[in-house]
Amino acid sequence: MLINTVVLFLRDMLPIGLLISLLLAMPGISIKPLLWRLTITLAVALAIYNYLSLISQFAQGTGFELLKVAFFAGAWLGMCAMAWMSHHQGFARHWGLNLLVLGIGVPNSLHFMVYFFSALSSYTDSKLLIGSILGLGISSSIAILLHVVLFTLLKQKFTFPITTWFVAAQTAGIATLFEQIDLLPAPVQAWDTSQLLSDESEYGHLLNALFGYEATPSISYLCVFFIALLLPYVIRHLTPLSVRSIDKEAS
């Protein structure tokens, strides 16, 4: 139970901590507006959790998976909006940040609530408490370390590439969800590195949260990942022209 609780935090809570670290490293984003967005995200996740059994019954029992797809797609659209307005404070960047926080925060929070509350009702010993403390401590430490590295060593130069990679890794889960509900063909495995590092290990969950590591990724997963990774770069490359056009129209 102790290890399972730690893994639960690494799998579901660490991505939220990493997102906070990455966003705070971006220019023009401060802690106060991010906190109220996180508060709204938690409220939305709690509201959905209360109706999760009802939501799961939609679309022949695939409602929960489709809901997560919608949030992950929203997160990717938010990343694209922020890439487009990366050098300009505007409406698109504001709502891009909203979509990004909601799109990653809500699905991961829901996963955490489903398994944690289930464990809380089944176990009352100290292992759950100790595991929660360890998991929260490890997740927070990794998120803080990432933030420090971005500020001190990398000087924010790599914040956009790392954030884009991180969001692409989260978005690639859409392919896995579609495969689970048979909206994509049966997965064709690209390779297998489970003998070196299993998905179910602590390090596997850590690398999955950071880089989208999959020991046995499917072709669909890789396709979604690389599309989600490359398109924000294309949009960012076109940003100066877009910003000039917006500024010219505004004047």
Protein backbone atom coordinates (compact mmCIF):
# COMPACT_ATOMS: atom_id res chain seq x y z
CA MET A 1 0.00 0.00 0.00
CA LEU A 2 2.89 2.34 0.78
CA ILE A 3 4.51 1.93 -2.63
CA ASN A 4 1.15 2.12 -4.41
CA THR A 5 0.40 5.46 -2.76
CA VAL A 6 3.79 6.88 -3.75
CA VAL A 7 3.26 5.69 -7.33
CA LEU A 8 -0.20 7.28 -7.31
CA PHE A 9 1.32 10.67 -6.50
CA LEU A 10 4.04 10.25 -9.14
CA ARG A 11 1.51 9.26 -11.79
CA ASP A 12 -1.27 11.75 -11.16
CA MET A 13 -0.05 14.62 -8.96
CA LEU A 14 3.47 15.05 -10.31
CA PRO A 15 2.25 16.25 -13.75
CA ILE A 16 0.31 19.06 -12.05
CA GLY A 17 3.38 20.07 -10.04
CA LEU A 18 5.54 20.02 -13.18
CA LEU A 19 2.99 22.17 -15.02
CA ILE A 20 3.06 24.76 -12.23
CA SER A 21 6.87 24.86 -12.30
CA LEU A 22 6.98 25.25 -16.07
CA LEU A 23 4.32 27.97 -16.19
CA LEU A 24 5.93 29.99 -13.41
CA ALA A 25 9.20 29.89 -15.37
CA MET A 26 7.50 31.54 -18.35
CA PRO A 27 7.74 35.32 -18.66
CA GLY A 28 4.61 37.23 -17.71
CA ILE A 29 3.07 34.49 -15.53
CA SER A 30 2.94 35.08 -11.77
CA ILE A 31 1.79 32.95 -8.88
CA LYS A 32 -1.42 34.83 -8.06
CA PRO A 33 -3.32 34.34 -11.38
CA LEU A 34 -2.04 30.77 -11.52
CA LEU A 35 -3.40 30.02 -8.04
CA TRP A 36 -6.95 31.05 -8.86
CA ARG A 37 -6.82 28.99 -12.04
CA LEU A 38 -5.70 25.99 -9.98
CA THR A 39 -8.52 26.64 -7.52
CA ILE A 40 -11.07 26.62 -10.36
CA THR A 41 -9.46 23.44 -11.71
CA LEU A 42 -9.87 21.70 -8.35
CA ALA A 43 -13.50 22.85 -8.12
CA VAL A 44 -14.24 21.53 -11.62
CA ALA A 45 -12.55 18.21 -10.83
CA LEU A 46 -14.56 17.81 -7.61
CA ALA A 47 -17.81 18.65 -9.42
CA ILE A 48 -17.08 16.07 -12.15
CA TYR A 49 -16.04 13.47 -9.57
CA ASN A 50 -19.43 13.72 -7.88
CA TYR A 51 -21.12 12.79 -11.18
CA LEU A 52 -18.45 10.43 -12.47
CA SER A 53 -20.61 7.33 -12.39
CA LEU A 54 -23.26 9.10 -14.47
CA ILE A 55 -20.70 10.51 -16.92
CA SER A 56 -19.15 7.08 -17.40
CA GLN A 57 -22.46 5.71 -18.69
CA PHE A 58 -22.57 8.06 -21.70
CA ALA A 59 -21.59 6.87 -25.17
CA GLN A 60 -22.01 3.18 -24.31
CA GLY A 61 -19.80 3.39 -21.24
CA THR A 62 -17.02 5.48 -22.75
CA GLY A 63 -18.06 8.83 -21.30
CA PHE A 64 -15.14 9.14 -18.88
CA GLU A 65 -12.56 8.36 -21.57
CA LEU A 66 -14.13 10.86 -23.98
CA LEU A 67 -14.18 13.49 -21.25
CA LYS A 68 -10.44 13.02 -20.66
CA VAL A 69 -9.82 13.24 -24.41
CA ALA A 70 -11.65 16.56 -24.49
CA PHE A 71 -9.56 17.96 -21.63
CA PHE A 72 -6.24 16.77 -23.08
CA ALA A 73 -7.18 18.21 -26.49
CA GLY A 74 -8.07 21.46 -24.74
CA ALA A 75 -4.65 21.50 -23.05
CA TRP A 76 -2.95 21.12 -26.41
CA LEU A 77 -5.04 23.91 -27.93
CA GLY A 78 -4.04 26.04 -24.93
CA MET A 79 -0.38 25.31 -25.64
CA CYS A 80 -0.88 26.32 -29.27
CA ALA A 81 -2.55 29.57 -28.20
CA MET A 82 0.32 30.35 -25.84
CA ALA A 83 2.84 29.55 -28.57
CA TRP A 84 1.04 31.91 -30.95
CA MET A 85 1.02 34.75 -28.41
CA SER A 86 4.30 33.86 -26.68
CA HIS A 87 5.71 37.37 -27.09
CA HIS A 88 2.46 39.25 -26.68
CA GLN A 89 0.02 39.58 -23.78
CA GLY A 90 -3.41 39.10 -25.28
CA PHE A 91 -6.76 37.36 -25.19
CA ALA A 92 -5.45 34.20 -26.86
CA ARG A 93 -2.61 33.81 -24.37
CA HIS A 94 -4.96 34.38 -21.42
CA TRP A 95 -7.40 31.69 -22.53
CA GLY A 96 -4.56 29.47 -23.66
CA LEU A 97 -3.31 29.45 -20.08
CA ASN A 98 -6.83 28.65 -18.84
CA LEU A 99 -7.15 25.70 -21.22
CA LEU A 100 -3.67 24.44 -20.38
CA VAL A 101 -4.26 24.40 -16.62
CA LEU A 102 -7.75 22.90 -16.89
CA GLY A 103 -6.79 20.39 -19.60
CA ILE A 104 -3.94 18.87 -17.61
CA GLY A 105 -5.15 19.58 -14.08
CA VAL A 106 -8.66 18.12 -14.28
CA PRO A 107 -7.92 14.65 -15.77
CA ASN A 108 -4.95 14.06 -13.46
CA SER A 109 -6.93 15.27 -10.44
CA LEU A 110 -9.81 12.94 -11.33
CA HIS A 111 -7.47 9.97 -11.63
CA PHE A 112 -6.00 10.80 -8.26
CA MET A 113 -9.41 11.19 -6.59
CA VAL A 114 -10.75 7.91 -7.98
CA TYR A 115 -7.87 5.81 -6.66
CA PHE A 116 -7.02 7.78 -3.51
CA PHE A 117 -10.58 7.99 -2.17
CA SER A 118 -11.04 4.31 -2.95
CA ALA A 119 -7.89 3.47 -0.98
CA LEU A 120 -8.95 5.81 1.82
CA SER A 121 -12.19 3.88 2.26
CA SER A 122 -10.40 0.53 2.20
CA TYR A 123 -7.33 1.21 4.33
CA THR A 124 -7.10 3.05 7.63
CA ASP A 125 -3.57 2.16 8.72
CA SER A 126 -0.57 4.48 8.78
CA LYS A 127 0.81 3.22 5.46
CA LEU A 128 -1.62 5.39 3.50
CA LEU A 129 -0.61 8.48 5.48
CA ILE A 130 3.11 7.76 5.21
CA GLY A 131 2.78 7.00 1.50
CA SER A 132 0.87 10.24 0.94
CA ILE A 133 3.54 12.25 2.76
CA LEU A 134 6.33 10.56 0.80
CA GLY A 135 4.51 10.90 -2.52
CA LEU A 136 3.69 14.55 -1.94
CA GLY A 137 7.25 15.24 -0.80
CA ILE A 138 8.83 13.53 -3.80
CA SER A 139 6.47 15.19 -6.29
CA SER A 140 6.99 18.64 -4.75
CA SER A 141 10.77 18.19 -4.66
CA ILE A 142 10.94 17.23 -8.34
CA ALA A 143 8.71 20.15 -9.34
CA ILE A 144 10.77 22.62 -7.28
CA LEU A 145 14.02 21.20 -8.66
CA LEU A 146 12.76 21.65 -12.22
CA HIS A 147 11.79 25.25 -11.46
CA VAL A 148 15.21 26.00 -9.95
CA VAL A 149 17.02 24.43 -12.90
CA LEU A 150 15.00 26.49 -15.39
CA PHE A 151 15.77 29.72 -13.54
CA THR A 152 19.41 29.21 -12.56
CA LEU A 153 20.98 26.88 -15.11
CA LEU A 154 18.92 27.20 -18.26
CA LYS A 155 17.93 30.86 -17.77
CA GLN A 156 14.39 30.23 -19.14
CA LYS A 157 15.87 29.52 -22.57
CA PHE A 158 14.47 26.02 -22.68
CA THR A 159 11.19 26.69 -20.90
CA PHE A 160 9.11 26.67 -24.08
CA PRO A 161 10.66 23.47 -25.55
CA ILE A 162 10.33 21.61 -22.24
CA THR A 163 6.74 22.81 -21.74
CA THR A 164 5.83 21.83 -25.29
CA TRP A 165 7.36 18.37 -24.80
CA PHE A 166 5.52 17.98 -21.50
CA VAL A 167 2.14 18.97 -23.00
CA ALA A 168 2.73 16.70 -26.00
CA ALA A 169 3.40 13.80 -23.62
CA GLN A 170 0.09 14.47 -21.87
CA THR A 171 -1.75 14.90 -25.19
CA ALA A 172 -0.40 11.62 -26.54
CA GLY A 173 -2.61 9.89 -23.99
CA ILE A 174 -5.48 10.62 -26.38
CA ALA A 175 -4.24 7.81 -28.62
CA THR A 176 -4.21 5.36 -25.69
CA LEU A 177 -7.73 6.39 -24.69
CA PHE A 178 -9.03 6.01 -28.25
CA GLU A 179 -7.44 2.55 -28.45
CA GLN A 180 -9.14 1.57 -25.18
CA ILE A 181 -12.60 2.47 -26.50
CA ASP A 182 -11.95 1.03 -29.99
CA LEU A 183 -12.04 4.36 -31.83
CA LEU A 184 -8.56 3.52 -33.13
CA PRO A 185 -7.42 0.12 -34.45
CA ALA A 186 -5.74 -2.34 -32.13
CA PRO A 187 -2.37 -0.85 -31.10
CA VAL A 188 0.67 -1.80 -33.17
CA GLN A 189 3.65 -1.86 -30.83
CA ALA A 190 6.64 0.20 -31.98
CA TRP A 191 9.17 -1.25 -29.50
CA ASP A 192 9.43 -2.82 -26.06
CA THR A 193 11.80 -1.50 -23.37
CA SER A 194 9.88 -2.96 -20.42
CA GLN A 195 12.83 -5.20 -19.59
CA LEU A 196 14.97 -2.09 -19.10
CA LEU A 197 12.36 0.10 -17.38
CA SER A 198 8.79 -0.91 -16.71
CA ASP A 199 5.88 1.51 -17.00
CA GLU A 200 4.65 0.36 -13.59
CA SER A 201 7.88 1.14 -11.74
CA GLU A 202 8.45 4.37 -9.81
CA TYR A 203 11.01 5.55 -12.36
CA GLY A 204 8.67 4.59 -15.19
CA HIS A 205 5.91 6.81 -13.79
CA LEU A 206 8.43 9.61 -13.20
CA LEU A 207 9.72 9.51 -16.79
CA ASN A 208 6.16 9.22 -18.09
CA ALA A 209 5.19 12.43 -16.27
CA LEU A 210 8.32 14.25 -17.42
CA PHE A 211 8.78 13.02 -20.98
CA GLY A 212 5.82 10.78 -21.83
CA TYR A 213 7.91 7.62 -21.53
CA GLU A 214 6.13 4.45 -22.61
CA ALA A 215 7.87 1.07 -22.48
CA THR A 216 5.63 -0.29 -25.24
CA PRO A 217 4.34 2.70 -27.24
CA SER A 218 1.98 2.13 -30.11
CA ILE A 219 2.36 3.71 -33.54
CA SER A 220 -0.76 5.79 -32.84
CA TYR A 221 0.74 7.07 -29.58
CA LEU A 222 3.94 8.16 -31.33
CA CYS A 223 2.02 9.85 -34.16
CA VAL A 224 -0.14 11.87 -31.76
CA PHE A 225 2.91 12.73 -29.65
CA PHE A 226 4.99 14.09 -32.54
CA ILE A 227 2.09 16.02 -34.07
CA ALA A 228 1.34 17.57 -30.68
CA LEU A 229 5.03 18.37 -30.24
CA LEU A 230 5.77 19.88 -33.64
CA LEU A 231 2.70 22.03 -34.34
CA PRO A 232 3.33 24.51 -31.47
CA TYR A 233 6.83 25.07 -32.88
CA VAL A 234 5.34 25.86 -36.28
CA ILE A 235 2.87 28.24 -34.65
CA ARG A 236 5.63 29.87 -32.60
CA HIS A 237 7.69 30.35 -35.76
CA LEU A 238 4.76 32.28 -37.28
CA THR A 239 4.20 34.31 -34.10
CA PRO A 240 6.15 37.46 -35.04
CA LEU A 241 4.12 37.87 -38.24
CA SER A 242 0.86 37.22 -36.35
CA VAL A 243 1.71 39.71 -33.63
CA ARG A 244 2.64 42.39 -36.13
CA SER A 245 -0.66 41.89 -37.93
CA ILE A 246 -2.62 42.12 -34.65
CA ASP A 247 -0.76 45.24 -33.54
CA LYS A 248 -1.27 46.85 -36.93
CA GLU A 249 -5.03 46.17 -36.84
CA ALA A 250 -5.26 47.47 -33.26
CA SER A 251 -3.59 50.75 -34.24
